Amino acid sequence: MRVGPSAIHGLGLFAAAPLAAEVVVGRLEGVLTDEDGMHVLWLSDDLAIELTNDLRYVNHSGDPNGALTDLGLVTLRPVDPGEELTHDYGW
């Protein structure tokens, strides 16, 4: 994976090699917080995690190629090299 300029927003996370469907791309890493911020992922109305690894650069898409699970970010379909990794923030 590599971080680079995104057509969606700011920086994005891109596949460096082909990824098959149902591949765990990475695990969420960060610190728990109750305050909003640029790289904060809300887990509930009262609890969030401020991401500290490269997964903080995964942008939103209404047609995502990844999803957040208890394993981390998992691909929903095959992802081509150079394709930006996305998930639906409304999960």
C-alpha atoms as a PDB file:
ATOM      1  CA  MET A   1       0.000   0.000   0.000  1.00  0.00           C
ATOM      2  CA  ARG A   2       1.079   3.553  -0.581  1.00  0.00           C
ATOM      3  CA  VAL A   3      -0.244   6.962   0.414  1.00  0.00           C
ATOM      4  CA  GLY A   4      -0.640   9.542  -2.338  1.00  0.00           C
ATOM      5  CA  PRO A   5      -2.772  12.377  -3.680  1.00  0.00           C
ATOM      6  CA  SER A   6      -6.446  11.451  -3.972  1.00  0.00           C
ATOM      7  CA  ALA A   7      -9.032  12.635  -6.480  1.00  0.00           C
ATOM      8  CA  ILE A   8     -11.593  12.052  -3.711  1.00  0.00           C
ATOM      9  CA  HIS A   9     -10.052  14.143  -0.930  1.00  0.00           C
ATOM     10  CA  GLY A  10      -6.552  15.163   0.105  1.00  0.00           C
ATOM     11  CA  LEU A  11      -4.469  12.030   0.469  1.00  0.00           C
ATOM     12  CA  GLY A  12      -5.641   8.481  -0.121  1.00  0.00           C
ATOM     13  CA  LEU A  13      -4.404   4.929   0.340  1.00  0.00           C
ATOM     14  CA  PHE A  14      -3.660   3.018  -2.867  1.00  0.00           C
ATOM     15  CA  ALA A  15      -3.036  -0.650  -3.651  1.00  0.00           C
ATOM     16  CA  ALA A  16       0.608  -1.250  -4.601  1.00  0.00           C
ATOM     17  CA  ALA A  17      -0.196  -4.716  -5.982  1.00  0.00           C
ATOM     18  CA  PRO A  18      -3.345  -6.575  -7.032  1.00  0.00           C
ATOM     19  CA  LEU A  19      -5.598  -7.516  -4.118  1.00  0.00           C
ATOM     20  CA  ALA A  20      -8.142 -10.318  -4.231  1.00  0.00           C
ATOM     21  CA  ALA A  21     -11.606 -10.046  -2.706  1.00  0.00           C
ATOM     22  CA  GLU A  22     -11.877 -10.691   1.054  1.00  0.00           C
ATOM     23  CA  VAL A  23      -8.249  -9.761   1.802  1.00  0.00           C
ATOM     24  CA  VAL A  24      -7.503  -8.086   5.127  1.00  0.00           C
ATOM     25  CA  VAL A  25      -5.606  -4.983   4.017  1.00  0.00           C
ATOM     26  CA  GLY A  26      -4.707  -3.897   7.531  1.00  0.00           C
ATOM     27  CA  ARG A  27      -5.884  -3.480  11.090  1.00  0.00           C
ATOM     28  CA  LEU A  28      -7.065  -0.241  12.590  1.00  0.00           C
ATOM     29  CA  GLU A  29      -4.485   1.232  14.939  1.00  0.00           C
ATOM     30  CA  GLY A  30      -4.948   4.306  17.071  1.00  0.00           C
ATOM     31  CA  VAL A  31      -6.036   5.774  20.369  1.00  0.00           C
ATOM     32  CA  LEU A  32      -9.544   5.935  21.784  1.00  0.00           C
ATOM     33  CA  THR A  33     -11.071   9.390  21.927  1.00  0.00           C
ATOM     34  CA  ASP A  34     -14.373  11.158  22.471  1.00  0.00           C
ATOM     35  CA  GLU A  35     -13.380  14.188  20.382  1.00  0.00           C
ATOM     36  CA  ASP A  36     -13.813  14.634  16.636  1.00  0.00           C
ATOM     37  CA  GLY A  37     -10.857  15.196  14.327  1.00  0.00           C
ATOM     38  CA  MET A  38      -9.501  14.704  10.832  1.00  0.00           C
ATOM     39  CA  HIS A  39      -8.579  11.011  11.240  1.00  0.00           C
ATOM     40  CA  VAL A  40     -11.191  10.032  13.821  1.00  0.00           C
ATOM     41  CA  LEU A  41     -13.433   7.051  13.118  1.00  0.00           C
ATOM     42  CA  TRP A  42     -16.574   6.974  15.250  1.00  0.00           C
ATOM     43  CA  LEU A  43     -17.412   3.516  16.609  1.00  0.00           C
ATOM     44  CA  SER A  44     -20.568   4.663  18.434  1.00  0.00           C
ATOM     45  CA  ASP A  45     -22.215   7.951  19.406  1.00  0.00           C
ATOM     46  CA  ASP A  46     -19.798   8.308  22.326  1.00  0.00           C
ATOM     47  CA  LEU A  47     -16.613   6.470  21.338  1.00  0.00           C
ATOM     48  CA  ALA A  48     -14.135   6.895  18.517  1.00  0.00           C
ATOM     49  CA  ILE A  49     -10.622   5.887  17.544  1.00  0.00           C
ATOM     50  CA  GLU A  50      -8.094   8.393  16.237  1.00  0.00           C
ATOM     51  CA  LEU A  51      -6.276   6.379  13.590  1.00  0.00           C
ATOM     52  CA  THR A  52      -2.492   6.470  13.638  1.00  0.00           C
ATOM     53  CA  ASN A  53      -1.586   4.080  10.815  1.00  0.00           C
ATOM     54  CA  ASP A  54      -1.969   4.414   7.024  1.00  0.00           C
ATOM     55  CA  LEU A  55      -5.611   3.274   7.180  1.00  0.00           C
ATOM     56  CA  ARG A  56      -6.392   6.853   8.263  1.00  0.00           C
ATOM     57  CA  TYR A  57      -6.063   7.767   4.564  1.00  0.00           C
ATOM     58  CA  VAL A  58      -8.892   5.494   3.368  1.00  0.00           C
ATOM     59  CA  ASN A  59     -11.500   7.829   1.890  1.00  0.00           C
ATOM     60  CA  HIS A  60     -15.276   7.486   1.576  1.00  0.00           C
ATOM     61  CA  SER A  61     -17.075   6.099  -1.459  1.00  0.00           C
ATOM     62  CA  GLY A  62     -20.715   5.275  -2.070  1.00  0.00           C
ATOM     63  CA  ASP A  63     -19.381   2.338  -4.103  1.00  0.00           C
ATOM     64  CA  PRO A  64     -16.514   1.171  -1.858  1.00  0.00           C
ATOM     65  CA  ASN A  65     -13.994  -1.558  -2.605  1.00  0.00           C
ATOM     66  CA  GLY A  66     -13.393  -2.174   1.112  1.00  0.00           C
ATOM     67  CA  ALA A  67     -15.308  -2.489   4.371  1.00  0.00           C
ATOM     68  CA  LEU A  68     -14.428  -2.163   8.011  1.00  0.00           C
ATOM     69  CA  THR A  69     -14.913  -5.333  10.029  1.00  0.00           C
ATOM     70  CA  ASP A  70     -13.640  -6.491  13.397  1.00  0.00           C
ATOM     71  CA  LEU A  71     -10.597  -7.747  11.439  1.00  0.00           C
ATOM     72  CA  GLY A  72      -9.810  -4.300   9.986  1.00  0.00           C
ATOM     73  CA  LEU A  73     -10.179  -3.120   6.388  1.00  0.00           C
ATOM     74  CA  VAL A  74     -11.228  -6.007   4.144  1.00  0.00           C
ATOM     75  CA  THR A  75     -11.556  -5.821   0.347  1.00  0.00           C
ATOM     76  CA  LEU A  76     -15.070  -6.381  -0.989  1.00  0.00           C
ATOM     77  CA  ARG A  77     -13.908  -7.190  -4.515  1.00  0.00           C
ATOM     78  CA  PRO A  78     -10.622  -7.477  -6.414  1.00  0.00           C
ATOM     79  CA  VAL A  79      -8.619  -4.224  -6.349  1.00  0.00           C
ATOM     80  CA  ASP A  80      -6.225  -3.247  -9.141  1.00  0.00           C
ATOM     81  CA  PRO A  81      -2.719  -1.873  -8.518  1.00  0.00           C
ATOM     82  CA  GLY A  82      -2.899   1.905  -8.195  1.00  0.00           C
ATOM     83  CA  GLU A  83      -6.601   1.835  -7.289  1.00  0.00           C
ATOM     84  CA  GLU A  84      -7.578   3.891  -4.267  1.00  0.00           C
ATOM     85  CA  LEU A  85      -8.900   1.911  -1.297  1.00  0.00           C
ATOM     86  CA  THR A  86     -12.258   3.202  -0.069  1.00  0.00           C
ATOM     87  CA  HIS A  87     -15.003   2.361   2.371  1.00  0.00           C
ATOM     88  CA  ASP A  88     -18.482   3.724   3.085  1.00  0.00           C
ATOM     89  CA  TYR A  89     -18.357   6.007   6.126  1.00  0.00           C
ATOM     90  CA  GLY A  90     -22.029   5.250   6.730  1.00  0.00           C
ATOM     91  CA  TRP A  91     -21.290   1.657   7.746  1.00  0.00           C
END
